Protein backbone atom coordinates (compact mmCIF):
# COMPACT_ATOMS: atom_id res chain seq x y z
CA MET A 1 196.28 85.82 108.55
CA LEU A 2 197.10 89.00 110.47
CA CYS A 3 194.70 91.64 111.76
CA GLN A 4 193.97 94.27 109.10
CA LYS A 5 194.00 97.04 111.70
CA CYS A 6 196.91 96.37 114.01
CA LYS A 7 199.03 94.16 111.65
CA LYS A 8 200.47 92.31 114.69
CA ASN A 9 197.94 89.71 116.01
CA GLU A 10 196.35 86.72 114.27
CA ALA A 11 192.98 87.51 112.89
CA THR A 12 190.23 85.58 114.63
CA ILE A 13 187.16 87.74 113.67
CA HIS A 14 186.29 87.54 110.06
CA MET A 15 183.39 89.80 108.80
CA THR A 16 181.80 90.08 105.43
CA GLN A 17 179.69 93.14 104.86
CA ILE A 18 177.54 93.76 101.72
CA VAL A 19 176.40 97.29 101.11
CA ASN A 20 174.58 98.09 97.91
CA GLY A 21 175.95 95.05 96.22
CA ASN A 22 179.55 95.87 97.19
CA LYS A 23 181.29 93.12 99.20
CA ARG A 24 183.76 94.20 101.90
CA GLU A 25 185.78 91.76 104.10
CA LEU A 26 187.36 92.71 107.31
CA HIS A 27 189.75 90.45 109.33
CA LEU A 28 190.47 91.55 112.91
CA CYS A 29 192.03 90.27 116.03
CA GLU A 30 189.85 90.15 119.17
CA GLU A 31 191.43 93.23 120.62
CA CYS A 32 190.84 95.38 117.62
CA ALA A 33 187.30 93.87 116.97
CA ALA A 34 186.59 94.92 120.60
CA THR A 35 187.61 98.53 120.24
CA SER A 36 186.14 99.00 116.68
CA GLN A 37 182.77 100.85 116.49
CA GLY A 38 179.89 98.82 115.14
CA VAL A 39 181.64 95.53 115.80
CA LYS A 40 180.26 93.30 118.45
CA VAL A 41 182.10 90.11 119.36
CA ILE A 42 180.00 87.17 120.25
CA PRO A 43 182.01 84.19 121.48
CA ILE A 44 181.55 81.08 119.32
CA VAL A 45 180.72 78.03 121.47
CA THR A 46 181.26 74.70 119.80
CA LEU A 47 178.49 71.95 119.98
CA ASP A 48 180.49 70.09 122.56
CA GLN A 49 180.67 73.16 124.70
CA TRP A 50 177.06 73.99 124.31
CA LEU A 51 176.06 70.39 125.13
CA ASN A 52 178.24 70.31 128.18
CA GLN A 53 176.80 73.62 129.47
CA ILE A 54 173.36 72.13 129.11
CA ILE A 55 174.25 68.87 130.66
CA SER A 56 175.98 70.75 133.62
CA ALA A 57 173.01 72.92 134.25
CA ALA A 58 170.71 69.82 134.25
CA HIS A 59 173.01 67.99 136.71
CA ALA A 60 173.31 71.10 138.86
CA GLY A 61 169.55 71.11 139.25
CA LEU A 62 169.46 67.39 140.15
CA GLU A 63 172.33 67.39 142.65
CA ALA A 64 170.26 69.15 145.29
CA GLU A 65 167.55 66.52 144.69
CA GLU A 66 170.00 63.65 144.73
CA GLU A 67 171.80 64.72 147.81
CA GLU A 68 168.47 64.40 149.76
CA HIS A 69 168.32 60.76 148.93
CA VAL A 70 170.42 58.83 151.60
CA CYS A 71 170.45 55.15 152.38
CA PRO A 72 169.27 54.80 155.92
CA GLN A 73 171.49 51.66 156.51
CA CYS A 74 174.85 52.53 154.93
CA GLY A 75 174.55 56.40 154.58
CA ILE A 76 175.49 56.67 150.98
CA THR A 77 173.97 59.43 149.01
CA TYR A 78 172.52 59.00 145.48
CA GLY A 79 175.19 61.48 144.26
CA GLU A 80 177.86 59.30 145.69
CA PHE A 81 176.33 56.24 143.87
CA ARG A 82 176.22 58.24 140.51
CA SER A 83 179.88 59.23 140.86
CA GLY A 84 181.13 55.73 141.94
CA GLY A 85 178.58 53.56 140.07
CA ARG A 86 178.15 51.19 143.03
CA LEU A 87 175.50 50.93 145.68
CA GLY A 88 176.64 50.63 149.39
CA CYS A 89 174.31 47.79 150.57
CA PRO A 90 171.14 45.92 149.69
CA ALA A 91 168.98 48.65 151.39
CA CYS A 92 170.14 51.19 148.72
CA TYR A 93 167.89 49.57 146.16
CA GLU A 94 164.81 50.60 148.18
CA ALA A 95 166.25 53.92 149.24
CA PHE A 96 167.03 54.92 145.56
CA ALA A 97 164.18 52.94 144.11
CA GLU A 98 162.63 55.80 142.12
CA PRO A 99 165.84 57.24 140.52
CA LEU A 100 167.24 53.73 139.90
CA GLU A 101 163.91 52.73 138.08
CA ALA A 102 164.41 55.68 135.72
CA VAL A 103 168.19 54.75 135.12
CA ILE A 104 167.36 51.13 134.49
CA LYS A 105 164.50 52.16 132.12
CA ARG A 106 166.75 54.47 130.19
CA LEU A 107 169.67 51.93 130.02
CA HIS A 108 167.67 48.89 129.06
CA GLY A 109 164.59 50.39 127.47
CA GLY A 110 162.14 48.91 130.01
CA HIS A 111 161.77 47.20 133.39
CA HIS A 112 161.28 43.65 132.13
CA HIS A 113 163.90 41.33 130.78
CA THR A 114 163.59 41.07 126.94
CA GLY A 115 166.71 39.11 126.16
CA LYS A 116 166.87 35.74 124.66
CA MET A 117 165.55 32.71 126.54
CA PRO A 118 164.70 29.05 125.57
CA ARG A 119 161.31 29.00 123.89
CA HIS A 120 159.50 27.07 126.58
CA VAL A 121 160.74 29.26 129.34
CA ASP A 122 160.03 32.40 127.30
CA GLN A 123 156.38 31.22 126.84
CA ASP A 124 155.99 30.53 130.51
CA ILE A 125 157.26 33.75 131.46
CA ALA A 126 155.03 35.64 128.92
CA ARG A 127 152.01 33.68 130.28
CA LYS A 128 152.88 34.60 133.84
CA ARG A 129 153.28 38.28 132.97
CA GLN A 130 150.00 38.28 131.18
CA ILE A 131 148.24 36.66 134.10
CA THR A 132 149.72 39.28 136.50
CA LYS A 133 148.55 42.04 134.14
CA LEU A 134 145.10 40.47 133.87
CA LYS A 135 144.99 40.28 137.79
CA GLU A 136 145.81 43.96 138.03
CA ASP A 137 143.18 44.74 135.54
CA LEU A 138 140.58 42.65 137.36
CA ALA A 139 141.42 44.42 140.71
CA GLN A 140 140.95 47.79 138.93
CA ALA A 141 137.57 46.45 137.36
CA ILE A 142 136.22 45.34 140.82
CA LYS A 143 137.44 48.67 142.34
CA THR A 144 135.49 50.63 139.71
CA GLU A 145 132.42 48.29 139.98
CA GLU A 146 132.76 47.01 136.32
CA TYR A 147 131.60 43.61 137.09
CA GLU A 148 130.92 42.39 133.71
CA GLU A 149 134.56 43.29 132.67
CA ALA A 150 135.72 41.56 135.91
CA ALA A 151 133.96 38.32 135.02
CA THR A 152 135.61 38.34 131.59
CA LEU A 153 139.00 38.96 133.09
CA ARG A 154 138.44 36.26 135.59
CA ASP A 155 137.64 33.78 132.89
CA GLN A 156 140.70 34.78 130.91
CA ILE A 157 142.89 34.32 133.93
CA LYS A 158 141.39 30.76 134.57
CA GLU A 159 142.11 29.90 130.95
CA LEU A 160 145.71 30.99 131.10
CA GLU A 161 146.32 29.26 134.54
CA MET A 162 144.83 26.08 133.23
CA ALA A 163 147.15 26.16 130.06
CA GLN A 164 149.97 26.87 132.54
CA GLY A 165 149.20 23.58 134.43
CA GLY A 166 147.12 24.67 137.37
CA GLY A 167 148.27 27.66 139.24
CA ASP A 168 146.26 29.83 141.73
CA HIS A 169 142.47 29.99 141.21
CA LEU A 170 140.38 32.96 142.02
């Protein structure tokens, strides 16, 4: 459709105006719309463009922080890891521990393996994780001087370790 004003260019601005119940449509090219009084051209941004702008802004804010993380052994920056997808050496895991933890959690939904395993292995691992958690809770209970809670936790740990077939005793 051609511009209704200049009748040369393709109309890219389409306006509908309703005044006192009367409908009036106006089809203009960008140049004519920019020079017309009362017509303000606002660029239309697609959803993809908008999301890319948001993501770029977020990455720009993180880039300065990422560049600060440098592996002391191989010298790779976190930004280089992000762009290449590979760490430079085993020390990178410690150097980038905090951002890597967030990435792993986002990708896998957690920090612990939750895939399929043989039943007996799965039960053993679940028991070990439970014992580890109880030991952490026990240390916290002792630290906060909640001795009755600590005794209960100690007994639960002993039961689980006995079911496991021995293990460390407190």
